[in-house]
N, C-alpha and C. Protein backbone atom coordinates (compact mmCIF):
# COMPACT_ATOMS: atom_id res chain seq x y z
N MET A 1 1.18 3.72 16.05
CA MET A 1 2.13 4.40 15.20
C MET A 1 3.54 4.00 15.59
N ASP A 2 4.39 3.94 14.63
CA ASP A 2 5.78 3.62 14.89
C ASP A 2 6.47 4.88 15.41
N GLY A 3 7.17 4.74 16.52
CA GLY A 3 7.73 5.90 17.18
C GLY A 3 8.75 6.65 16.37
N THR A 4 9.46 5.97 15.45
CA THR A 4 10.51 6.65 14.72
C THR A 4 10.04 7.20 13.39
N THR A 5 9.03 6.61 12.80
CA THR A 5 8.63 7.04 11.48
C THR A 5 7.30 7.78 11.47
N GLY A 6 6.50 7.66 12.53
CA GLY A 6 5.21 8.32 12.57
C GLY A 6 4.17 7.67 11.69
N ILE A 7 4.42 6.44 11.23
CA ILE A 7 3.44 5.73 10.41
C ILE A 7 3.01 4.47 11.13
N VAL A 8 1.98 3.82 10.61
CA VAL A 8 1.46 2.64 11.29
C VAL A 8 2.53 1.57 11.41
N ASP A 9 2.44 0.79 12.49
CA ASP A 9 3.42 -0.26 12.78
C ASP A 9 3.01 -1.53 12.05
N HIS A 10 3.23 -1.54 10.75
CA HIS A 10 2.80 -2.61 9.85
C HIS A 10 4.01 -2.96 8.97
N LEU A 11 4.56 -4.15 9.21
CA LEU A 11 5.83 -4.51 8.58
C LEU A 11 5.73 -5.80 7.77
N ALA A 12 6.30 -5.79 6.58
CA ALA A 12 6.54 -7.04 5.85
C ALA A 12 7.76 -7.70 6.47
N VAL A 13 7.73 -9.03 6.53
CA VAL A 13 8.88 -9.78 7.04
C VAL A 13 9.27 -10.79 5.97
N PRO A 14 10.19 -10.41 5.06
CA PRO A 14 10.58 -11.34 4.00
C PRO A 14 11.43 -12.47 4.55
N TYR A 15 11.23 -13.66 3.98
CA TYR A 15 12.01 -14.82 4.43
C TYR A 15 12.03 -15.86 3.32
N ALA A 16 13.03 -16.75 3.38
CA ALA A 16 13.17 -17.80 2.38
C ALA A 16 12.77 -19.16 2.93
N GLN A 17 12.93 -19.38 4.21
CA GLN A 17 12.54 -20.67 4.82
C GLN A 17 12.17 -20.45 6.28
N PRO A 18 11.41 -21.38 6.88
CA PRO A 18 10.85 -21.16 8.22
C PRO A 18 11.87 -20.80 9.30
N GLY A 19 13.06 -21.39 9.25
CA GLY A 19 14.07 -21.05 10.26
C GLY A 19 14.49 -19.60 10.19
N GLN A 20 14.61 -19.07 8.98
CA GLN A 20 14.96 -17.66 8.80
C GLN A 20 13.86 -16.76 9.34
N LEU A 21 12.61 -17.17 9.11
CA LEU A 21 11.48 -16.39 9.63
C LEU A 21 11.51 -16.35 11.16
N THR A 22 11.73 -17.50 11.79
CA THR A 22 11.73 -17.51 13.25
C THR A 22 12.86 -16.65 13.80
N ASP A 23 13.99 -16.60 13.11
CA ASP A 23 15.09 -15.72 13.55
C ASP A 23 14.64 -14.27 13.60
N ARG A 24 13.83 -13.86 12.63
CA ARG A 24 13.38 -12.47 12.56
C ARG A 24 12.24 -12.19 13.53
N LEU A 25 11.40 -13.20 13.75
CA LEU A 25 10.25 -13.00 14.64
C LEU A 25 10.61 -13.13 16.12
N GLU A 26 11.62 -13.94 16.44
CA GLU A 26 11.90 -14.26 17.83
C GLU A 26 12.10 -13.04 18.73
N PRO A 27 12.92 -12.05 18.34
CA PRO A 27 13.07 -10.89 19.24
C PRO A 27 11.77 -10.13 19.49
N VAL A 28 10.93 -10.01 18.46
CA VAL A 28 9.67 -9.29 18.60
C VAL A 28 8.73 -10.09 19.50
N LEU A 29 8.68 -11.40 19.29
CA LEU A 29 7.84 -12.26 20.12
C LEU A 29 8.30 -12.24 21.57
N ASP A 30 9.60 -12.33 21.79
CA ASP A 30 10.13 -12.32 23.16
C ASP A 30 9.75 -11.03 23.88
N THR A 31 9.85 -9.90 23.19
CA THR A 31 9.51 -8.61 23.79
C THR A 31 8.03 -8.55 24.15
N ALA A 32 7.18 -9.00 23.22
CA ALA A 32 5.73 -8.96 23.47
C ALA A 32 5.35 -9.88 24.62
N LEU A 33 5.89 -11.09 24.63
CA LEU A 33 5.54 -12.04 25.68
C LEU A 33 6.07 -11.59 27.04
N ALA A 34 7.26 -11.00 27.06
CA ALA A 34 7.82 -10.50 28.32
C ALA A 34 6.97 -9.38 28.90
N ALA A 35 6.33 -8.60 28.01
CA ALA A 35 5.47 -7.50 28.46
C ALA A 35 4.07 -7.98 28.81
N GLY A 36 3.78 -9.26 28.53
CA GLY A 36 2.43 -9.77 28.78
C GLY A 36 1.42 -9.35 27.74
N ASP A 37 1.89 -8.92 26.57
CA ASP A 37 0.99 -8.47 25.51
C ASP A 37 0.35 -9.66 24.81
N PRO A 38 -0.90 -9.51 24.34
CA PRO A 38 -1.53 -10.59 23.57
C PRO A 38 -0.86 -10.75 22.22
N VAL A 39 -0.71 -12.00 21.78
CA VAL A 39 -0.06 -12.29 20.50
C VAL A 39 -0.96 -13.25 19.71
N LEU A 40 -1.26 -12.86 18.49
CA LEU A 40 -2.01 -13.71 17.56
C LEU A 40 -1.08 -14.04 16.41
N ALA A 41 -0.87 -15.34 16.14
CA ALA A 41 0.00 -15.77 15.05
C ALA A 41 -0.82 -16.55 14.04
N VAL A 42 -1.01 -15.96 12.87
CA VAL A 42 -1.77 -16.60 11.79
C VAL A 42 -0.74 -17.13 10.80
N LEU A 43 -0.34 -18.37 11.03
CA LEU A 43 0.77 -18.97 10.28
C LEU A 43 0.37 -20.32 9.71
N ASP A 44 0.94 -20.64 8.53
CA ASP A 44 0.72 -21.94 7.92
C ASP A 44 1.61 -22.99 8.59
N GLY A 45 1.37 -24.26 8.29
CA GLY A 45 2.00 -25.39 8.98
C GLY A 45 3.48 -25.30 9.28
N PRO A 46 4.37 -25.25 8.27
CA PRO A 46 5.81 -25.26 8.57
C PRO A 46 6.27 -24.06 9.39
N GLU A 47 5.73 -22.89 9.07
CA GLU A 47 6.12 -21.69 9.81
C GLU A 47 5.57 -21.72 11.23
N ARG A 48 4.32 -22.18 11.38
CA ARG A 48 3.73 -22.31 12.72
C ARG A 48 4.54 -23.29 13.57
N ASP A 49 4.91 -24.43 12.99
CA ASP A 49 5.68 -25.42 13.74
C ASP A 49 7.04 -24.88 14.14
N ALA A 50 7.69 -24.14 13.24
CA ALA A 50 9.01 -23.59 13.54
C ALA A 50 8.94 -22.57 14.68
N VAL A 51 7.90 -21.72 14.65
CA VAL A 51 7.75 -20.72 15.72
C VAL A 51 7.43 -21.40 17.04
N ARG A 52 6.54 -22.37 17.03
CA ARG A 52 6.21 -23.09 18.27
C ARG A 52 7.45 -23.75 18.86
N THR A 53 8.24 -24.40 18.01
CA THR A 53 9.45 -25.08 18.50
C THR A 53 10.42 -24.08 19.11
N ARG A 54 10.61 -22.95 18.43
CA ARG A 54 11.56 -21.93 18.93
C ARG A 54 11.10 -21.34 20.25
N LEU A 55 9.79 -21.14 20.41
CA LEU A 55 9.28 -20.53 21.64
C LEU A 55 9.25 -21.51 22.82
N GLY A 56 9.18 -22.79 22.53
CA GLY A 56 9.13 -23.78 23.60
C GLY A 56 7.87 -23.62 24.43
N THR A 57 8.01 -23.61 25.75
CA THR A 57 6.84 -23.53 26.63
C THR A 57 6.10 -22.20 26.49
N SER A 58 6.79 -21.16 26.02
CA SER A 58 6.14 -19.85 25.84
C SER A 58 5.11 -19.88 24.71
N ALA A 59 5.16 -20.90 23.85
CA ALA A 59 4.21 -20.99 22.74
C ALA A 59 2.78 -21.09 23.25
N GLY A 60 2.60 -21.58 24.46
CA GLY A 60 1.26 -21.69 25.03
C GLY A 60 0.62 -20.33 25.30
N ARG A 61 1.42 -19.27 25.28
CA ARG A 61 0.88 -17.92 25.52
C ARG A 61 0.56 -17.20 24.21
N VAL A 62 0.74 -17.90 23.09
CA VAL A 62 0.45 -17.33 21.77
C VAL A 62 -0.81 -17.99 21.24
N GLU A 63 -1.74 -17.19 20.72
CA GLU A 63 -2.93 -17.74 20.06
C GLU A 63 -2.58 -18.00 18.60
N PHE A 64 -2.56 -19.26 18.21
CA PHE A 64 -2.28 -19.62 16.82
C PHE A 64 -3.59 -19.81 16.08
N ALA A 65 -3.67 -19.30 14.85
CA ALA A 65 -4.88 -19.43 14.05
C ALA A 65 -4.50 -19.88 12.64
N ASP A 66 -5.39 -20.62 12.02
CA ASP A 66 -5.17 -21.13 10.68
C ASP A 66 -5.47 -20.02 9.66
N PRO A 67 -4.51 -19.71 8.78
CA PRO A 67 -4.75 -18.62 7.83
C PRO A 67 -5.93 -18.87 6.90
N PHE A 68 -6.22 -20.13 6.61
CA PHE A 68 -7.32 -20.42 5.69
C PHE A 68 -8.68 -20.17 6.35
N ASP A 69 -8.74 -20.27 7.68
CA ASP A 69 -9.96 -19.91 8.40
C ASP A 69 -10.07 -18.40 8.54
N VAL A 70 -8.96 -17.76 8.92
CA VAL A 70 -8.96 -16.31 9.14
C VAL A 70 -9.33 -15.56 7.86
N HIS A 71 -8.77 -16.01 6.73
CA HIS A 71 -8.95 -15.27 5.48
C HIS A 71 -10.09 -15.82 4.62
N ALA A 72 -11.05 -16.51 5.27
CA ALA A 72 -12.25 -16.96 4.56
C ALA A 72 -13.24 -15.82 4.38
N VAL A 73 -12.93 -14.66 4.95
CA VAL A 73 -13.79 -13.48 4.85
C VAL A 73 -13.04 -12.40 4.06
N PRO A 74 -13.72 -11.35 3.60
CA PRO A 74 -13.02 -10.30 2.84
C PRO A 74 -11.90 -9.64 3.63
N ALA A 75 -10.93 -9.12 2.88
CA ALA A 75 -9.75 -8.51 3.49
C ALA A 75 -10.11 -7.40 4.47
N PHE A 76 -11.10 -6.56 4.13
CA PHE A 76 -11.46 -5.46 5.02
C PHE A 76 -11.97 -5.99 6.36
N THR A 77 -12.71 -7.09 6.31
CA THR A 77 -13.22 -7.69 7.55
C THR A 77 -12.09 -8.16 8.44
N VAL A 78 -11.07 -8.78 7.84
CA VAL A 78 -9.90 -9.23 8.61
C VAL A 78 -9.23 -8.03 9.28
N ALA A 79 -9.04 -6.95 8.53
CA ALA A 79 -8.37 -5.76 9.08
C ALA A 79 -9.15 -5.19 10.25
N VAL A 80 -10.47 -5.12 10.13
CA VAL A 80 -11.30 -4.57 11.21
C VAL A 80 -11.24 -5.47 12.44
N ARG A 81 -11.25 -6.78 12.24
CA ARG A 81 -11.18 -7.70 13.38
C ARG A 81 -9.85 -7.54 14.12
N TRP A 82 -8.77 -7.39 13.39
CA TRP A 82 -7.47 -7.22 14.06
C TRP A 82 -7.39 -5.88 14.77
N ALA A 83 -7.95 -4.84 14.16
CA ALA A 83 -7.97 -3.53 14.83
C ALA A 83 -8.79 -3.60 16.11
N ARG A 84 -9.87 -4.37 16.09
CA ARG A 84 -10.73 -4.50 17.27
C ARG A 84 -9.96 -5.11 18.44
N LEU A 85 -9.02 -6.02 18.16
CA LEU A 85 -8.20 -6.60 19.23
C LEU A 85 -7.49 -5.50 20.02
N ALA A 86 -6.98 -4.51 19.30
CA ALA A 86 -6.26 -3.41 19.96
C ALA A 86 -7.22 -2.47 20.68
N ARG A 87 -8.39 -2.25 20.11
CA ARG A 87 -9.37 -1.35 20.75
C ARG A 87 -9.87 -1.90 22.08
N GLN A 88 -9.84 -3.23 22.23
CA GLN A 88 -10.35 -3.86 23.44
C GLN A 88 -9.31 -3.90 24.56
N LEU A 89 -8.07 -3.51 24.28
CA LEU A 89 -7.01 -3.58 25.28
C LEU A 89 -7.17 -2.50 26.34
N ALA A 90 -6.97 -2.88 27.59
CA ALA A 90 -6.95 -1.89 28.67
C ALA A 90 -5.55 -1.26 28.74
N SER A 91 -4.53 -2.06 28.45
CA SER A 91 -3.15 -1.56 28.43
C SER A 91 -2.32 -2.51 27.58
N GLY A 92 -1.09 -2.09 27.30
CA GLY A 92 -0.20 -2.93 26.51
C GLY A 92 -0.41 -2.74 25.02
N ARG A 93 0.04 -3.72 24.26
CA ARG A 93 0.05 -3.64 22.81
C ARG A 93 -0.21 -5.02 22.23
N VAL A 94 -0.99 -5.10 21.17
CA VAL A 94 -1.25 -6.37 20.51
C VAL A 94 -0.18 -6.61 19.43
N LEU A 95 0.26 -7.85 19.33
CA LEU A 95 1.13 -8.26 18.23
C LEU A 95 0.37 -9.27 17.37
N VAL A 96 0.22 -8.96 16.10
CA VAL A 96 -0.42 -9.88 15.15
C VAL A 96 0.62 -10.25 14.10
N ILE A 97 0.77 -11.54 13.88
CA ILE A 97 1.64 -12.04 12.81
C ILE A 97 0.72 -12.69 11.79
N GLY A 98 0.62 -12.09 10.61
CA GLY A 98 -0.31 -12.57 9.59
C GLY A 98 0.42 -12.93 8.31
N GLN A 99 0.74 -14.20 8.15
CA GLN A 99 1.51 -14.67 7.01
C GLN A 99 0.72 -14.57 5.70
N HIS A 100 1.39 -14.08 4.65
CA HIS A 100 0.83 -14.11 3.31
C HIS A 100 0.98 -15.53 2.78
N VAL A 101 -0.12 -16.20 2.51
CA VAL A 101 -0.10 -17.56 1.97
C VAL A 101 -0.94 -17.59 0.70
N ASP A 102 -0.75 -18.63 -0.09
CA ASP A 102 -1.57 -18.82 -1.28
C ASP A 102 -2.96 -19.26 -0.83
N LEU A 103 -3.97 -18.49 -1.19
CA LEU A 103 -5.34 -18.78 -0.77
C LEU A 103 -6.17 -19.17 -1.99
N PRO A 104 -6.24 -20.46 -2.31
CA PRO A 104 -7.03 -20.88 -3.47
C PRO A 104 -8.47 -20.40 -3.34
N GLY A 105 -8.98 -19.85 -4.43
CA GLY A 105 -10.37 -19.40 -4.43
C GLY A 105 -10.57 -17.97 -3.94
N SER A 106 -9.51 -17.37 -3.36
CA SER A 106 -9.66 -15.98 -2.90
C SER A 106 -9.57 -15.03 -4.09
N PRO A 107 -10.22 -13.87 -3.98
CA PRO A 107 -10.13 -12.92 -5.08
C PRO A 107 -8.69 -12.46 -5.30
N VAL A 108 -8.35 -12.20 -6.54
CA VAL A 108 -7.02 -11.67 -6.85
C VAL A 108 -6.87 -10.33 -6.12
N GLY A 109 -5.71 -10.12 -5.53
CA GLY A 109 -5.48 -8.86 -4.83
C GLY A 109 -5.87 -8.88 -3.37
N HIS A 110 -6.15 -10.06 -2.80
CA HIS A 110 -6.53 -10.13 -1.39
C HIS A 110 -5.47 -9.50 -0.50
N TRP A 111 -4.19 -9.85 -0.71
CA TRP A 111 -3.14 -9.38 0.20
C TRP A 111 -2.91 -7.88 0.10
N PRO A 112 -2.79 -7.29 -1.10
CA PRO A 112 -2.62 -5.83 -1.11
C PRO A 112 -3.83 -5.10 -0.52
N ARG A 113 -5.05 -5.62 -0.76
CA ARG A 113 -6.22 -4.97 -0.18
C ARG A 113 -6.21 -5.08 1.34
N LEU A 114 -5.77 -6.23 1.86
CA LEU A 114 -5.66 -6.38 3.31
C LEU A 114 -4.64 -5.39 3.86
N ASP A 115 -3.48 -5.30 3.21
CA ASP A 115 -2.44 -4.38 3.68
C ASP A 115 -2.93 -2.93 3.70
N MET A 116 -3.64 -2.54 2.65
CA MET A 116 -4.16 -1.16 2.61
C MET A 116 -5.20 -0.95 3.70
N ALA A 117 -6.09 -1.93 3.88
CA ALA A 117 -7.12 -1.82 4.91
C ALA A 117 -6.50 -1.74 6.29
N LEU A 118 -5.43 -2.51 6.52
CA LEU A 118 -4.74 -2.46 7.81
C LEU A 118 -4.19 -1.08 8.09
N ASP A 119 -3.57 -0.46 7.08
CA ASP A 119 -2.97 0.86 7.30
C ASP A 119 -4.01 1.89 7.73
N VAL A 120 -5.24 1.71 7.29
CA VAL A 120 -6.32 2.60 7.71
C VAL A 120 -6.88 2.18 9.07
N ALA A 121 -7.14 0.87 9.22
CA ALA A 121 -7.85 0.38 10.41
C ALA A 121 -7.02 0.46 11.68
N ILE A 122 -5.69 0.29 11.60
CA ILE A 122 -4.89 0.25 12.83
C ILE A 122 -4.21 1.58 13.15
N ALA A 123 -4.41 2.58 12.33
CA ALA A 123 -3.76 3.88 12.58
C ALA A 123 -4.10 4.39 13.98
N GLY A 124 -3.07 4.72 14.74
CA GLY A 124 -3.26 5.27 16.08
C GLY A 124 -3.57 4.26 17.15
N LEU A 125 -3.62 2.97 16.80
CA LEU A 125 -3.95 1.94 17.78
C LEU A 125 -2.68 1.24 18.29
N PRO A 126 -2.74 0.68 19.51
CA PRO A 126 -1.58 -0.02 20.07
C PRO A 126 -1.46 -1.44 19.52
N ILE A 127 -1.03 -1.53 18.27
CA ILE A 127 -0.93 -2.83 17.60
C ILE A 127 0.24 -2.81 16.62
N THR A 128 0.94 -3.92 16.57
CA THR A 128 1.98 -4.15 15.57
C THR A 128 1.54 -5.33 14.73
N VAL A 129 1.56 -5.15 13.41
CA VAL A 129 1.20 -6.23 12.49
C VAL A 129 2.44 -6.58 11.67
N LEU A 130 2.86 -7.84 11.76
CA LEU A 130 3.98 -8.35 10.97
C LEU A 130 3.42 -9.28 9.91
N CYS A 131 3.84 -9.11 8.66
CA CYS A 131 3.34 -9.91 7.55
C CYS A 131 4.47 -10.73 6.94
N PRO A 132 4.70 -11.95 7.44
CA PRO A 132 5.70 -12.81 6.80
C PRO A 132 5.31 -13.08 5.35
N CYS A 133 6.26 -12.90 4.44
CA CYS A 133 5.97 -13.14 3.03
C CYS A 133 7.26 -13.55 2.32
N GLY A 134 7.10 -14.18 1.18
CA GLY A 134 8.26 -14.58 0.40
C GLY A 134 9.10 -13.39 -0.03
N GLU A 135 10.37 -13.63 -0.23
CA GLU A 135 11.27 -12.53 -0.59
C GLU A 135 10.92 -11.90 -1.93
N LEU A 136 10.19 -12.62 -2.77
CA LEU A 136 9.79 -12.09 -4.08
C LEU A 136 8.33 -11.66 -4.11
N ASP A 137 7.68 -11.59 -2.96
CA ASP A 137 6.28 -11.17 -2.88
C ASP A 137 6.16 -9.76 -3.47
N PRO A 138 5.30 -9.56 -4.48
CA PRO A 138 5.20 -8.24 -5.11
C PRO A 138 4.68 -7.14 -4.18
N THR A 139 4.02 -7.52 -3.07
CA THR A 139 3.50 -6.50 -2.16
C THR A 139 4.52 -6.11 -1.08
N LEU A 140 5.67 -6.76 -1.10
CA LEU A 140 6.66 -6.57 -0.04
C LEU A 140 6.95 -5.11 0.26
N ASP A 141 7.30 -4.35 -0.76
CA ASP A 141 7.70 -2.96 -0.56
C ASP A 141 6.64 -1.95 -0.95
N THR A 142 5.59 -2.39 -1.63
CA THR A 142 4.63 -1.42 -2.14
C THR A 142 3.43 -1.19 -1.24
N THR A 143 3.03 -2.22 -0.45
CA THR A 143 1.87 -2.03 0.42
C THR A 143 2.21 -2.18 1.89
N HIS A 144 3.50 -2.23 2.21
CA HIS A 144 3.94 -2.25 3.62
C HIS A 144 4.78 -1.00 3.87
N PRO A 145 4.38 -0.17 4.83
CA PRO A 145 5.17 1.04 5.09
C PRO A 145 6.56 0.73 5.62
N LEU A 146 6.71 -0.45 6.26
CA LEU A 146 7.99 -0.84 6.84
C LEU A 146 8.31 -2.29 6.48
N VAL A 147 9.58 -2.62 6.49
CA VAL A 147 10.03 -3.98 6.21
C VAL A 147 11.01 -4.37 7.30
N LEU A 148 10.84 -5.57 7.87
CA LEU A 148 11.74 -6.07 8.91
C LEU A 148 12.69 -7.09 8.27
N THR A 149 13.97 -6.74 8.20
CA THR A 149 14.98 -7.61 7.60
C THR A 149 15.94 -8.06 8.70
N ALA A 150 16.93 -8.85 8.32
CA ALA A 150 17.94 -9.30 9.28
C ALA A 150 18.70 -8.12 9.86
N ALA A 151 18.79 -7.03 9.11
CA ALA A 151 19.52 -5.84 9.57
C ALA A 151 18.65 -4.91 10.39
N GLY A 152 17.35 -5.19 10.50
CA GLY A 152 16.44 -4.33 11.26
C GLY A 152 15.35 -3.75 10.37
N ARG A 153 14.70 -2.72 10.87
CA ARG A 153 13.60 -2.09 10.13
C ARG A 153 14.13 -1.15 9.06
N ARG A 154 13.38 -1.10 7.96
CA ARG A 154 13.63 -0.09 6.93
C ARG A 154 12.29 0.31 6.33
N SER A 155 12.27 1.41 5.62
CA SER A 155 11.04 1.85 4.95
C SER A 155 10.75 0.96 3.76
N GLY A 156 9.46 0.82 3.43
CA GLY A 156 9.07 0.06 2.24
C GLY A 156 9.37 0.87 1.00
N THR A 157 10.24 0.34 0.15
CA THR A 157 10.60 1.03 -1.09
C THR A 157 9.38 1.05 -2.01
N GLY A 158 9.01 2.21 -2.45
CA GLY A 158 7.86 2.30 -3.35
C GLY A 158 6.52 2.25 -2.64
N TYR A 159 6.53 2.33 -1.30
CA TYR A 159 5.27 2.28 -0.56
C TYR A 159 4.38 3.45 -0.95
N ARG A 160 3.09 3.15 -1.15
CA ARG A 160 2.11 4.18 -1.45
C ARG A 160 1.00 4.11 -0.42
N ALA A 161 0.57 5.24 0.07
CA ALA A 161 -0.52 5.29 1.04
C ALA A 161 -1.78 4.69 0.44
N PRO A 162 -2.68 4.14 1.29
CA PRO A 162 -3.88 3.44 0.77
C PRO A 162 -4.69 4.25 -0.23
N ARG A 163 -4.84 5.53 -0.01
CA ARG A 163 -5.69 6.33 -0.90
C ARG A 163 -5.15 6.32 -2.33
N GLU A 164 -3.82 6.26 -2.45
CA GLU A 164 -3.20 6.21 -3.78
C GLU A 164 -3.11 4.77 -4.29
N ALA A 165 -2.74 3.84 -3.41
CA ALA A 165 -2.52 2.46 -3.83
C ALA A 165 -3.79 1.75 -4.25
N VAL A 166 -4.94 2.18 -3.71
CA VAL A 166 -6.19 1.49 -4.02
C VAL A 166 -6.52 1.55 -5.52
N LEU A 167 -5.97 2.52 -6.22
CA LEU A 167 -6.21 2.61 -7.66
C LEU A 167 -5.64 1.41 -8.39
N ALA A 168 -4.53 0.85 -7.86
CA ALA A 168 -3.92 -0.32 -8.50
C ALA A 168 -4.57 -1.62 -8.06
N TYR A 169 -5.29 -1.59 -6.94
CA TYR A 169 -5.90 -2.81 -6.41
C TYR A 169 -7.37 -2.54 -6.04
N PRO A 170 -8.21 -2.27 -7.06
CA PRO A 170 -9.61 -1.97 -6.75
C PRO A 170 -10.30 -3.19 -6.16
N PRO A 171 -11.36 -2.97 -5.39
CA PRO A 171 -12.08 -4.12 -4.83
C PRO A 171 -12.70 -4.96 -5.94
N PRO A 172 -12.88 -6.25 -5.68
CA PRO A 172 -13.49 -7.10 -6.71
C PRO A 172 -14.95 -6.71 -6.91
N PRO A 173 -15.51 -7.02 -8.09
CA PRO A 173 -16.92 -6.70 -8.30
C PRO A 173 -17.79 -7.53 -7.37
N PRO A 174 -18.96 -7.02 -7.01
CA PRO A 174 -19.85 -7.80 -6.14
C PRO A 174 -20.31 -9.06 -6.87
N PRO A 175 -20.66 -10.10 -6.12
CA PRO A 175 -21.11 -11.34 -6.77
C PRO A 175 -22.43 -11.10 -7.52
N ASP A 176 -22.63 -11.86 -8.59
CA ASP A 176 -23.87 -11.78 -9.35
C ASP A 176 -24.98 -12.44 -8.53
N LEU A 177 -25.95 -11.67 -8.13
CA LEU A 177 -27.04 -12.18 -7.29
C LEU A 177 -28.23 -12.68 -8.10
N GLY A 178 -28.16 -12.57 -9.45
CA GLY A 178 -29.26 -13.03 -10.28
C GLY A 178 -30.35 -11.98 -10.38
N PRO A 179 -31.45 -12.34 -11.01
CA PRO A 179 -32.54 -11.37 -11.17
C PRO A 179 -33.19 -11.04 -9.82
N SER A 180 -33.77 -9.85 -9.75
CA SER A 180 -34.42 -9.44 -8.51
C SER A 180 -35.67 -10.28 -8.25
N ALA A 181 -35.96 -10.50 -6.97
CA ALA A 181 -37.14 -11.29 -6.59
C ALA A 181 -38.42 -10.47 -6.73
N VAL A 182 -38.28 -9.15 -6.57
CA VAL A 182 -39.46 -8.30 -6.65
C VAL A 182 -39.01 -6.89 -7.06
N ASP A 183 -39.84 -6.21 -7.80
CA ASP A 183 -39.59 -4.82 -8.18
C ASP A 183 -40.64 -3.99 -7.45
N LEU A 184 -40.21 -3.20 -6.47
CA LEU A 184 -41.17 -2.54 -5.58
C LEU A 184 -40.89 -1.04 -5.52
N PRO A 185 -41.60 -0.25 -6.33
CA PRO A 185 -41.45 1.21 -6.22
C PRO A 185 -41.97 1.67 -4.85
N PHE A 186 -41.34 2.67 -4.27
CA PHE A 186 -41.80 3.14 -2.97
C PHE A 186 -41.47 4.61 -2.77
N GLY A 187 -42.20 5.20 -1.84
CA GLY A 187 -41.97 6.56 -1.42
C GLY A 187 -41.81 6.60 0.09
N LEU A 188 -41.72 7.78 0.66
CA LEU A 188 -41.48 7.93 2.10
C LEU A 188 -42.58 7.26 2.92
N ASP A 189 -43.81 7.33 2.47
CA ASP A 189 -44.92 6.76 3.23
C ASP A 189 -44.97 5.23 3.13
N ASP A 190 -44.17 4.65 2.23
CA ASP A 190 -44.22 3.19 2.00
C ASP A 190 -43.08 2.44 2.70
N LEU A 191 -42.25 3.11 3.49
CA LEU A 191 -41.07 2.47 4.04
C LEU A 191 -41.39 1.29 4.95
N SER A 192 -42.46 1.39 5.73
CA SER A 192 -42.80 0.26 6.60
C SER A 192 -43.18 -0.96 5.79
N ALA A 193 -43.85 -0.77 4.65
CA ALA A 193 -44.21 -1.88 3.79
C ALA A 193 -42.96 -2.51 3.15
N VAL A 194 -42.02 -1.65 2.77
CA VAL A 194 -40.76 -2.15 2.20
C VAL A 194 -40.00 -2.97 3.24
N ARG A 195 -39.96 -2.49 4.49
CA ARG A 195 -39.28 -3.24 5.55
C ARG A 195 -39.93 -4.62 5.74
N ARG A 196 -41.25 -4.63 5.77
CA ARG A 196 -41.96 -5.91 5.95
C ARG A 196 -41.64 -6.87 4.79
N ARG A 197 -41.67 -6.34 3.57
CA ARG A 197 -41.42 -7.18 2.40
C ARG A 197 -39.97 -7.69 2.41
N THR A 198 -39.02 -6.85 2.79
CA THR A 198 -37.63 -7.25 2.85
C THR A 198 -37.42 -8.34 3.91
N ALA A 199 -38.08 -8.17 5.06
CA ALA A 199 -37.97 -9.18 6.13
C ALA A 199 -38.54 -10.51 5.68
């Protein structure tokens, strides 16, 4: 939780170019690395290179991950994995930097669903999630409780809690699995047979 607002420490970080992003991330990264906290940076090429260059030798203490690998799974799965990083900590705080990038082939609404899932999954945990995104990103103020600008932190204008926001970003329909392989009526006494057939 954010000490001043009482809400999850989940911030959008708007930026126009990689140098501007590193200016905003550098103080947060310096604080985390000085404290010995684990840092995961999920950044695309230009932004990753800019952060590595700015950090110099300290970049070796940051775990960098490719966003296209990280987001190959559903948004809820990503949120749970990041929350698990904080649950495994004996002390300190996890810093996750998860850039919003264009993900060809991903379901529409991946980013708002991830943001909503994060607000639920990381509540009460020792983790800060920063979401670098374009200055015109439509999720900037609506699915991030906080925004980190050059002037510091501010509340997300128009932010709605996940329970309310999910109405605007429902989960995608399940994939079409085709016709069923078998139609098997069963009762309580038939459960072992159903298990065998399913296996």
